[in-house]
Amino acid sequence: MSELSDCERDLKNLRRYADEVERTLVNVKAQATEKTWRGPGGDKLRKDFEQRSKEIRASLRRAKEEMERIRKKLETEEAQKKDGD
């Protein structure tokens, strides 16, 4: 396999895993309601969860962007190799 196909496979997996994490965040948020978690502890949980969720989503976005950048670079390199042959 080429580095490009490996990268494309990894990017596809990363997107799939990111979607799974996103679904998990949505499910946890749905369970962390005021009905389920009352009082100051619940308020703290929701506040902390919102902050962590934003951080997780930002990390996933950056990882996907970096993988896409690498994929494009490899695509360019492979095209240059073919032109050189």
Protein backbone atom coordinates (compact mmCIF):
# COMPACT_ATOMS: atom_id res chain seq x y z
CA MET A 1 0.00 0.00 0.00
CA SER A 2 1.09 3.53 -0.64
CA GLU A 3 1.49 6.18 2.03
CA LEU A 4 -1.46 8.01 0.44
CA SER A 5 -3.81 5.04 0.71
CA ASP A 6 -2.64 4.45 4.30
CA CYS A 7 -3.33 8.10 5.08
CA GLU A 8 -6.76 7.97 3.44
CA ARG A 9 -7.60 4.85 5.46
CA ASP A 10 -6.43 6.53 8.66
CA LEU A 11 -8.42 9.67 7.87
CA LYS A 12 -11.54 7.59 7.25
CA ASN A 13 -11.03 5.83 10.60
CA LEU A 14 -10.39 9.12 12.37
CA ARG A 15 -13.63 10.54 11.00
CA ARG A 16 -15.52 7.42 12.10
CA TYR A 17 -14.02 7.58 15.59
CA ALA A 18 -14.71 11.32 15.80
CA ASP A 19 -18.36 10.64 14.91
CA GLU A 20 -18.52 8.02 17.67
CA VAL A 21 -17.06 10.47 20.18
CA GLU A 22 -19.55 13.12 19.05
CA ARG A 23 -22.47 10.72 19.54
CA THR A 24 -21.14 9.85 22.99
CA LEU A 25 -20.90 13.53 23.94
CA VAL A 26 -24.48 14.08 22.80
CA ASN A 27 -25.68 11.07 24.81
CA VAL A 28 -23.84 12.12 27.96
CA LYS A 29 -25.22 15.65 27.67
CA ALA A 30 -28.72 14.23 27.31
CA GLN A 31 -28.23 12.29 30.57
CA ALA A 32 -26.69 15.19 32.50
CA THR A 33 -29.92 17.13 32.84
CA GLU A 34 -31.15 18.95 35.93
CA LYS A 35 -33.62 16.10 36.46
CA THR A 36 -30.80 13.57 36.68
CA TRP A 37 -28.10 15.67 38.36
CA ARG A 38 -29.50 18.20 40.84
CA GLY A 39 -27.87 20.81 42.98
CA PRO A 40 -24.42 22.35 42.97
CA GLY A 41 -22.78 19.06 41.98
CA GLY A 42 -25.00 18.81 38.93
CA ASP A 43 -24.34 22.40 37.98
CA LYS A 44 -20.59 21.80 38.25
CA LEU A 45 -20.86 18.59 36.23
CA ARG A 46 -22.72 20.34 33.41
CA LYS A 47 -20.31 23.29 33.40
CA ASP A 48 -17.26 21.03 33.40
CA PHE A 49 -18.78 18.77 30.76
CA GLU A 50 -19.51 21.70 28.45
CA GLN A 51 -15.91 22.91 28.74
CA ARG A 52 -14.44 19.45 28.20
CA SER A 53 -16.79 18.80 25.29
CA LYS A 54 -15.58 21.95 23.55
CA GLU A 55 -11.96 20.93 24.12
CA ILE A 56 -12.59 17.41 22.80
CA ARG A 57 -14.38 18.70 19.72
CA ALA A 58 -11.61 21.21 19.03
CA SER A 59 -8.97 18.47 19.34
CA LEU A 60 -10.86 16.21 16.96
CA ARG A 61 -11.26 19.05 14.47
CA ARG A 62 -7.53 19.84 14.60
CA ALA A 63 -6.63 16.18 14.18
CA LYS A 64 -8.87 15.87 11.12
CA GLU A 65 -7.46 19.07 9.64
CA GLU A 66 -3.90 17.83 10.13
CA MET A 67 -4.68 14.43 8.60
CA GLU A 68 -6.26 16.17 5.61
CA ARG A 69 -3.19 18.39 5.23
CA ILE A 70 -0.94 15.32 5.28
CA ARG A 71 -3.19 13.53 2.76
CA LYS A 72 -2.97 16.46 0.35
CA LYS A 73 0.80 16.60 0.75
CA LEU A 74 1.12 12.87 0.01
CA GLU A 75 -1.22 13.23 -2.96
CA THR A 76 1.01 15.98 -4.36
CA GLU A 77 4.16 13.93 -3.77
CA GLU A 78 2.67 10.88 -5.53
CA ALA A 79 1.61 13.02 -8.48
CA GLN A 80 5.12 14.43 -8.72
CA LYS A 81 6.60 10.91 -8.65
CA LYS A 82 4.33 9.84 -11.52
CA ASP A 83 5.29 12.91 -13.53
CA GLY A 84 8.97 12.09 -12.93
CA ASP A 85 8.60 8.50 -14.21
